[in-house]
Each structure stands twice: as structure tokens, then as C-alpha cells.
Amino acid sequence: MANRCILQFLDELLESLRDLQWHSLDEVRTQVSPGTEDELYYKFIPLLEVQEFISIDTERKRAKIKPMGLKFLGLPSEN
């Protein structure tokens, strides 16, 4: 996957979480880059958590954007 495609994928993933609400990981996966390999998607989710772009609730299998993710998108954070 080319760098531009990766950045587009990351942007789409974070955009799907921009409302600051929890979203199921399955819901996010279906909204982000249809046709993207699931393997790639599941590799990026933990990376985004480590980089503090998103929070993951592994027990409930859901994700929520964090201030760093909003900053990446150029959106104001609501702390």
C-alpha cells in the first residue's frame, strides 16, 4: 500500500470517530476504505492506540478518538 493510500486510510478511520463517541470496531471497519484488507486494518488499530490517536475498549470491542487524533485531523479537541 502506497504512503498516500495509508494516509487516506488513517484519515478515513479517524474521521469515522470524529464525533467523540464510542464506535464498535466492526462498524469502523465497514466505514473505512471498503475493500481494504482486514489484516491491514487490524494492524493499524493498535498502532493508533499506542500513538494516542484513539482509545480502545478491548472488552467491548470499540474505539473512540482522542485529542491527538483530532489534532491530526485539524479539529479542535474537547477535553
Protein backbone atom coordinates (compact mmCIF):
# COMPACT_ATOMS: atom_id res chain seq x y z
CA MET A 1 0.00 0.00 0.00
CA ALA A 2 1.49 3.34 -1.03
CA ASN A 3 2.08 6.10 1.55
CA ARG A 4 -0.75 8.20 0.11
CA CYS A 5 -3.18 5.30 0.49
CA ILE A 6 -2.06 4.71 4.07
CA LEU A 7 -2.60 8.37 4.95
CA GLN A 8 -6.03 8.30 3.29
CA PHE A 9 -6.87 5.15 5.23
CA LEU A 10 -5.77 6.74 8.54
CA ASP A 11 -7.70 9.90 7.75
CA GLU A 12 -10.86 7.94 6.96
CA LEU A 13 -10.50 5.85 10.10
CA LEU A 14 -10.10 8.91 12.34
CA GLU A 15 -12.91 10.75 10.51
CA SER A 16 -15.23 7.87 11.33
CA LEU A 17 -14.56 8.55 15.03
CA ARG A 18 -14.58 12.36 14.96
CA ASP A 19 -17.86 12.71 16.89
CA LEU A 20 -16.05 11.78 20.14
CA GLN A 21 -18.40 8.83 20.74
CA TRP A 22 -17.55 5.15 21.14
CA HIS A 23 -17.92 3.09 17.94
CA SER A 24 -17.71 -0.66 17.54
CA LEU A 25 -14.58 -1.81 15.75
CA ASP A 26 -16.72 -3.69 13.23
CA GLU A 27 -18.70 -0.52 12.46
CA VAL A 28 -15.49 1.45 11.90
CA ARG A 29 -14.02 -1.29 9.71
CA THR A 30 -17.06 -1.27 7.41
CA GLN A 31 -16.98 2.54 7.10
CA VAL A 32 -13.28 2.83 6.35
CA SER A 33 -11.91 2.17 2.87
CA PRO A 34 -14.19 -0.61 1.67
CA GLY A 35 -12.01 -3.27 0.15
CA THR A 36 -9.07 -2.56 2.46
CA GLU A 37 -7.55 -5.77 3.69
CA ASP A 38 -8.78 -6.67 7.17
CA GLU A 39 -5.21 -7.59 8.12
CA LEU A 40 -4.07 -4.03 7.44
CA TYR A 41 -6.99 -2.58 9.39
CA TYR A 42 -6.28 -4.73 12.44
CA LYS A 43 -2.57 -3.81 12.34
CA PHE A 44 -3.32 -0.07 12.36
CA ILE A 45 -5.84 -0.08 15.22
CA PRO A 46 -3.26 -0.96 17.91
CA LEU A 47 -0.76 1.47 16.36
CA LEU A 48 -3.26 4.32 16.61
CA GLU A 49 -3.83 3.46 20.26
CA VAL A 50 -0.10 3.39 21.03
CA GLN A 51 0.30 6.78 19.33
CA GLU A 52 -2.66 8.05 21.44
CA PHE A 53 -4.84 8.86 18.44
CA ILE A 54 -7.62 6.60 19.73
CA SER A 55 -8.72 4.75 22.86
CA ILE A 56 -9.71 1.12 22.55
CA ASP A 57 -12.04 -0.74 24.87
CA THR A 58 -10.92 -4.29 24.10
CA GLU A 59 -13.58 -5.86 26.31
CA ARG A 60 -16.42 -4.19 24.39
CA LYS A 61 -14.52 -4.11 21.06
CA ARG A 62 -14.96 -0.40 20.45
CA ALA A 63 -12.86 2.69 19.77
CA LYS A 64 -13.04 6.42 20.45
CA ILE A 65 -10.92 9.27 19.11
CA LYS A 66 -8.56 11.12 21.48
CA PRO A 67 -7.29 14.73 21.33
CA MET A 68 -4.18 13.65 19.36
CA GLY A 69 -6.41 12.08 16.69
CA LEU A 70 -8.45 15.26 16.46
CA LYS A 71 -5.23 17.25 16.15
CA PHE A 72 -4.13 15.00 13.26
CA LEU A 73 -7.44 15.80 11.53
CA GLY A 74 -7.01 19.50 12.29
CA LEU A 75 -10.08 19.59 14.54
CA PRO A 76 -10.37 21.28 17.94
CA SER A 77 -10.35 18.90 20.90
CA GLU A 78 -12.98 18.95 23.59
CA ASN A 79 -11.16 17.92 26.75
